[in-house]
Amino acid sequence: MDFILSFAPLLVLLVVLLASALRVLREYERGVVFLLGRFWKVKGPGLVIIIPLIQQMVRVDLRTVVLDVPPQDVISRDNVSVKVNAVIYFRVLDPQKAIIQVEDFLSATSQLAQTTLRAVLGKHELDEMLAERERLNADIQQVLDAQTDAWGVKVANVEIKHVDLNESMVRAIARQAEAERERRAKVIHAEGELQASEKLSQAAAVLARQPGALQLRYLQTLASISGDRSSTVVFPLPVDLLQGILRPRES
């Protein structure tokens, strides 16, 4: 009994060391192991044995991280101030670089996303921010991915969520849209008038070549007017038309 009690502290120490030496890494985790402060290897997933006091391990999550970029004040190329926020999807491809090359890859990616968002959108006009989001998303993603590659981080996607304008700018855009609609309506009306005038000119040319057709047109107009009993219509009758009608009787 005394023998067991004398070795009890040693047994407890062995149990503690064994517990600290055994690590279990999930399927989406990797362990970056350092040996006396120097990088040794990347381990996992599964059971990993670490030599206490000699080796240290840092866990790295390989799952895709959804990073919400807070609203950023952006001045567009046409000097319009807007607030833009976005969401970024990225994941760690190289655990060794993610731990060694940068102190905190999550914070570093977040800060880089904010500055890149302002820099890229500042090169475009407001209309492009509102109408060409897919192209801007691709541009931001390309710039971020190129800069985070040295950290072992892969930026998979960037989505601009909101482009917020102040009230005065919203009213200005509404007036611009209304003016654009009026312009299009006037253009369409003018094009319709032009087409109608061309058709009328063609019809006049045909009637000029066929005097009988002109007389029939007058008669059709009289017939349509006579059917309307709600008003009295004075219809001028050309002398040429009377001559054309009466000439066959004289012969």
Protein backbone atom coordinates (compact mmCIF):
# COMPACT_ATOMS: atom_id res chain seq x y z
CA MET A 1 0.00 0.00 0.00
CA ASP A 2 2.77 2.37 0.86
CA PHE A 3 4.48 1.43 -2.39
CA ILE A 4 1.41 2.43 -4.43
CA LEU A 5 1.03 5.69 -2.53
CA SER A 6 4.64 6.56 -3.16
CA PHE A 7 4.17 6.17 -6.92
CA ALA A 8 0.75 7.85 -7.02
CA PRO A 9 2.09 11.33 -7.95
CA LEU A 10 4.14 9.80 -10.74
CA LEU A 11 1.10 7.96 -12.07
CA VAL A 12 -0.96 11.15 -12.00
CA LEU A 13 1.80 12.97 -13.85
CA LEU A 14 1.94 10.25 -16.50
CA VAL A 15 -1.84 10.37 -16.96
CA VAL A 16 -1.74 14.18 -17.35
CA LEU A 17 1.10 13.99 -19.86
CA LEU A 18 -0.65 11.28 -21.85
CA ALA A 19 -3.89 13.29 -21.92
CA SER A 20 -2.06 16.38 -23.11
CA ALA A 21 -0.21 14.37 -25.76
CA LEU A 22 -3.35 13.00 -27.41
CA ARG A 23 -5.35 15.31 -29.72
CA VAL A 24 -8.32 14.47 -31.91
CA LEU A 25 -8.80 16.51 -35.06
CA ARG A 26 -12.12 16.49 -36.92
CA GLU A 27 -12.39 15.88 -40.65
CA TYR A 28 -12.42 19.62 -41.41
CA GLU A 29 -9.51 20.43 -39.07
CA ARG A 30 -5.76 20.31 -39.47
CA GLY A 31 -3.02 20.74 -36.89
CA VAL A 32 0.08 22.80 -37.59
CA VAL A 33 2.76 21.23 -35.37
CA PHE A 34 5.86 23.10 -34.18
CA LEU A 35 8.93 21.32 -32.78
CA LEU A 36 10.84 23.54 -30.34
CA GLY A 37 9.38 26.59 -32.05
CA ARG A 38 10.16 25.49 -35.60
CA PHE A 39 7.55 24.28 -38.06
CA TRP A 40 7.53 20.51 -38.27
CA LYS A 41 4.50 19.27 -40.23
CA VAL A 42 0.73 19.49 -40.73
CA LYS A 43 -1.22 16.64 -39.15
CA GLY A 44 -4.78 15.39 -39.17
CA PRO A 45 -7.54 14.54 -39.29
CA GLY A 46 -7.91 11.86 -36.65
CA LEU A 47 -5.76 11.04 -33.61
CA VAL A 48 -2.58 13.09 -33.28
CA ILE A 49 0.14 12.52 -30.69
CA ILE A 50 2.06 15.56 -29.49
CA ILE A 51 5.16 15.40 -27.31
CA PRO A 52 4.41 17.67 -24.34
CA LEU A 53 6.71 20.65 -23.76
CA ILE A 54 8.59 19.90 -26.98
CA GLN A 55 5.87 20.15 -29.58
CA GLN A 56 2.97 22.61 -29.90
CA MET A 57 -0.02 22.36 -32.20
CA VAL A 58 -2.32 25.04 -33.65
CA ARG A 59 -5.72 24.00 -34.97
CA VAL A 60 -6.87 25.35 -38.33
CA ASP A 61 -10.45 25.12 -39.59
CA LEU A 62 -10.66 24.32 -43.33
CA ARG A 63 -14.37 25.05 -43.74
CA THR A 64 -15.63 27.99 -45.78
CA VAL A 65 -15.89 31.15 -43.71
CA VAL A 66 -18.70 33.64 -44.38
CA LEU A 67 -17.33 37.11 -43.62
CA ASP A 68 -19.71 40.05 -43.43
CA VAL A 69 -17.91 43.23 -44.48
CA PRO A 70 -19.33 46.22 -42.55
CA PRO A 71 -20.68 49.22 -44.52
CA GLN A 72 -17.90 51.23 -46.14
CA ASP A 73 -18.00 54.87 -47.23
CA VAL A 74 -17.18 54.86 -50.94
CA ILE A 75 -16.81 57.86 -53.25
CA SER A 76 -17.52 56.83 -56.82
CA ARG A 77 -15.64 58.09 -59.84
CA ASP A 78 -18.43 60.61 -60.52
CA ASN A 79 -18.06 61.98 -56.93
CA VAL A 80 -21.14 60.34 -55.39
CA SER A 81 -20.86 59.26 -51.75
CA VAL A 82 -22.46 55.90 -50.96
CA LYS A 83 -22.32 53.23 -48.27
CA VAL A 84 -21.58 49.73 -49.52
CA ASN A 85 -21.45 46.46 -47.61
CA ALA A 86 -20.66 43.00 -48.90
CA VAL A 87 -20.21 39.36 -47.89
CA ILE A 88 -17.10 37.29 -48.65
CA TYR A 89 -16.72 33.52 -48.80
CA PHE A 90 -13.21 32.14 -48.26
CA ARG A 91 -11.43 29.10 -46.87
CA VAL A 92 -7.93 28.02 -45.86
CA LEU A 93 -6.14 25.90 -48.45
CA ASP A 94 -2.67 25.86 -46.89
CA PRO A 95 -2.74 25.65 -43.05
CA GLN A 96 1.03 26.16 -42.84
CA LYS A 97 0.89 29.55 -44.61
CA ALA A 98 -2.26 30.60 -42.75
CA ILE A 99 -0.47 30.23 -39.40
CA ILE A 100 3.10 31.21 -40.29
CA GLN A 101 2.71 33.96 -42.90
CA VAL A 102 0.11 36.09 -41.10
CA GLU A 103 -0.67 36.64 -37.42
CA ASP A 104 -4.48 36.32 -37.69
CA PHE A 105 -5.71 35.38 -41.15
CA LEU A 106 -9.37 36.04 -40.24
CA SER A 107 -8.72 39.61 -39.12
CA ALA A 108 -6.26 40.22 -41.95
CA THR A 109 -8.75 39.02 -44.58
CA SER A 110 -11.48 41.19 -43.07
CA GLN A 111 -9.34 44.33 -43.11
CA LEU A 112 -8.11 43.61 -46.64
CA ALA A 113 -11.70 43.10 -47.82
CA GLN A 114 -12.72 46.51 -46.49
CA THR A 115 -9.87 48.40 -48.16
CA THR A 116 -10.26 46.46 -51.42
CA LEU A 117 -14.00 47.17 -51.49
CA ARG A 118 -13.36 50.91 -51.23
CA ALA A 119 -10.50 50.87 -53.74
CA VAL A 120 -12.25 48.85 -56.45
CA LEU A 121 -15.65 50.53 -56.24
CA GLY A 122 -14.05 53.99 -56.16
CA LYS A 123 -12.88 53.41 -59.73
CA HIS A 124 -16.45 53.02 -61.03
CA GLU A 125 -19.40 55.33 -61.45
CA LEU A 126 -22.63 55.07 -59.51
CA ASP A 127 -24.58 53.62 -62.45
CA GLU A 128 -22.07 50.78 -62.68
CA MET A 129 -22.41 50.02 -58.95
CA LEU A 130 -26.17 49.74 -59.34
CA ALA A 131 -26.38 47.92 -62.66
CA GLU A 132 -23.18 45.85 -62.99
CA ARG A 133 -22.79 44.15 -59.63
CA GLU A 134 -21.75 40.81 -61.08
CA ARG A 135 -18.75 42.34 -62.83
CA LEU A 136 -17.78 44.33 -59.73
CA ASN A 137 -18.11 41.19 -57.57
CA ALA A 138 -15.73 39.38 -59.91
CA ASP A 139 -13.24 42.27 -59.84
CA ILE A 140 -13.20 42.42 -56.02
CA GLN A 141 -12.89 38.63 -55.76
CA GLN A 142 -9.96 38.58 -58.17
CA VAL A 143 -8.05 41.29 -56.28
CA LEU A 144 -8.68 39.69 -52.88
CA ASP A 145 -7.75 36.21 -54.07
CA ALA A 146 -4.47 37.44 -55.52
CA GLN A 147 -3.45 39.16 -52.26
CA THR A 148 -4.55 36.39 -49.87
CA ASP A 149 -2.81 33.64 -51.86
CA ALA A 150 0.40 34.26 -49.88
CA TRP A 151 -1.55 33.51 -46.67
CA GLY A 152 -2.86 30.16 -47.97
CA VAL A 153 -6.39 31.60 -48.17
CA LYS A 154 -8.69 31.14 -51.16
CA VAL A 155 -11.43 33.75 -51.72
CA ALA A 156 -14.18 31.85 -53.51
CA ASN A 157 -16.86 34.48 -53.91
CA VAL A 158 -17.74 38.11 -53.16
CA GLU A 159 -21.28 39.49 -53.15
CA ILE A 160 -22.20 43.17 -52.80
CA LYS A 161 -25.27 43.25 -50.57
CA HIS A 162 -26.41 46.89 -50.44
CA VAL A 163 -25.53 50.21 -52.04
CA ASP A 164 -27.14 52.85 -49.82
CA LEU A 165 -27.69 56.40 -51.10
CA ASN A 166 -28.74 59.51 -49.21
CA GLU A 167 -32.21 60.95 -49.78
CA SER A 168 -31.10 63.80 -52.03
CA MET A 169 -29.32 61.37 -54.35
CA VAL A 170 -32.35 59.07 -54.42
CA ARG A 171 -34.54 62.00 -55.48
CA ALA A 172 -32.01 63.02 -58.13
CA ILE A 173 -31.96 59.48 -59.55
CA ALA A 174 -35.77 59.42 -59.57
CA ARG A 175 -35.86 62.71 -61.52
CA GLN A 176 -33.26 61.37 -63.93
CA ALA A 177 -35.28 58.20 -64.49
CA GLU A 178 -38.45 60.21 -65.07
CA ALA A 179 -36.66 62.46 -67.58
CA GLU A 180 -35.32 59.36 -69.34
CA ARG A 181 -38.83 57.89 -69.59
CA GLU A 182 -40.16 61.15 -71.02
CA ARG A 183 -37.33 61.26 -73.53
CA ARG A 184 -38.05 57.72 -74.67
CA ALA A 185 -41.77 58.48 -74.97
CA LYS A 186 -41.06 61.54 -77.13
CA VAL A 187 -38.66 59.58 -79.32
CA ILE A 188 -41.20 56.79 -79.80
CA HIS A 189 -43.94 59.33 -80.60
CA ALA A 190 -41.68 61.11 -83.11
CA GLU A 191 -40.78 57.80 -84.76
CA GLY A 192 -44.48 56.97 -85.01
CA GLU A 193 -45.22 60.34 -86.60
CA LEU A 194 -42.38 59.81 -89.06
CA GLN A 195 -43.65 56.38 -90.07
CA ALA A 196 -47.22 57.69 -90.36
CA SER A 197 -46.09 60.60 -92.57
CA GLU A 198 -44.18 58.21 -94.81
CA LYS A 199 -47.25 56.01 -95.21
CA LEU A 200 -49.45 59.05 -95.88
CA SER A 201 -47.00 60.26 -98.49
CA GLN A 202 -47.11 56.88 -100.20
CA ALA A 203 -50.91 56.86 -100.07
CA ALA A 204 -51.06 60.38 -101.54
CA ALA A 205 -48.77 59.32 -104.36
CA VAL A 206 -51.02 56.35 -105.17
CA LEU A 207 -54.18 58.47 -105.06
CA ALA A 208 -52.55 61.08 -107.31
CA ARG A 209 -51.89 58.42 -109.96
CA GLN A 210 -55.43 57.04 -109.74
CA PRO A 211 -58.14 59.78 -109.73
CA GLY A 212 -60.85 57.18 -109.39
CA ALA A 213 -59.30 55.93 -106.16
CA LEU A 214 -59.51 59.45 -104.75
CA GLN A 215 -63.20 59.61 -105.59
CA LEU A 216 -63.83 56.25 -103.92
CA ARG A 217 -62.01 57.47 -100.83
CA TYR A 218 -64.29 60.51 -100.66
CA LEU A 219 -67.36 58.31 -100.95
CA GLN A 220 -66.10 55.97 -98.20
CA THR A 221 -65.54 58.97 -95.94
CA LEU A 222 -69.09 60.24 -96.61
CA ALA A 223 -70.50 56.79 -95.82
CA SER A 224 -68.66 56.61 -92.51
CA ILE A 225 -69.76 60.14 -91.53
CA SER A 226 -73.39 59.50 -92.42
CA GLY A 227 -73.51 56.63 -89.97
CA ASP A 228 -72.76 58.96 -87.06
CA ARG A 229 -76.06 60.64 -86.05
CA SER A 230 -74.73 62.46 -83.02
CA SER A 231 -73.54 65.53 -84.92
CA THR A 232 -73.89 67.46 -88.15
CA VAL A 233 -70.92 67.40 -90.45
CA VAL A 234 -70.34 69.77 -93.34
CA PHE A 235 -68.24 67.92 -95.87
CA PRO A 236 -66.75 69.97 -98.75
CA LEU A 237 -67.17 68.28 -102.10
CA PRO A 238 -64.50 69.13 -104.68
CA VAL A 239 -65.61 70.25 -108.12
CA ASP A 240 -63.23 67.75 -109.70
CA LEU A 241 -65.10 64.99 -107.99
CA LEU A 242 -68.43 66.22 -109.37
CA GLN A 243 -66.99 66.40 -112.85
CA GLY A 244 -65.66 62.89 -112.52
CA ILE A 245 -69.06 61.62 -111.40
CA LEU A 246 -71.16 63.56 -113.94
CA ARG A 247 -68.89 63.05 -116.96
CA PRO A 248 -70.07 59.48 -117.70
CA ARG A 249 -73.70 60.65 -117.83
CA GLU A 250 -72.95 63.38 -120.37
CA SER A 251 -71.35 60.84 -122.67
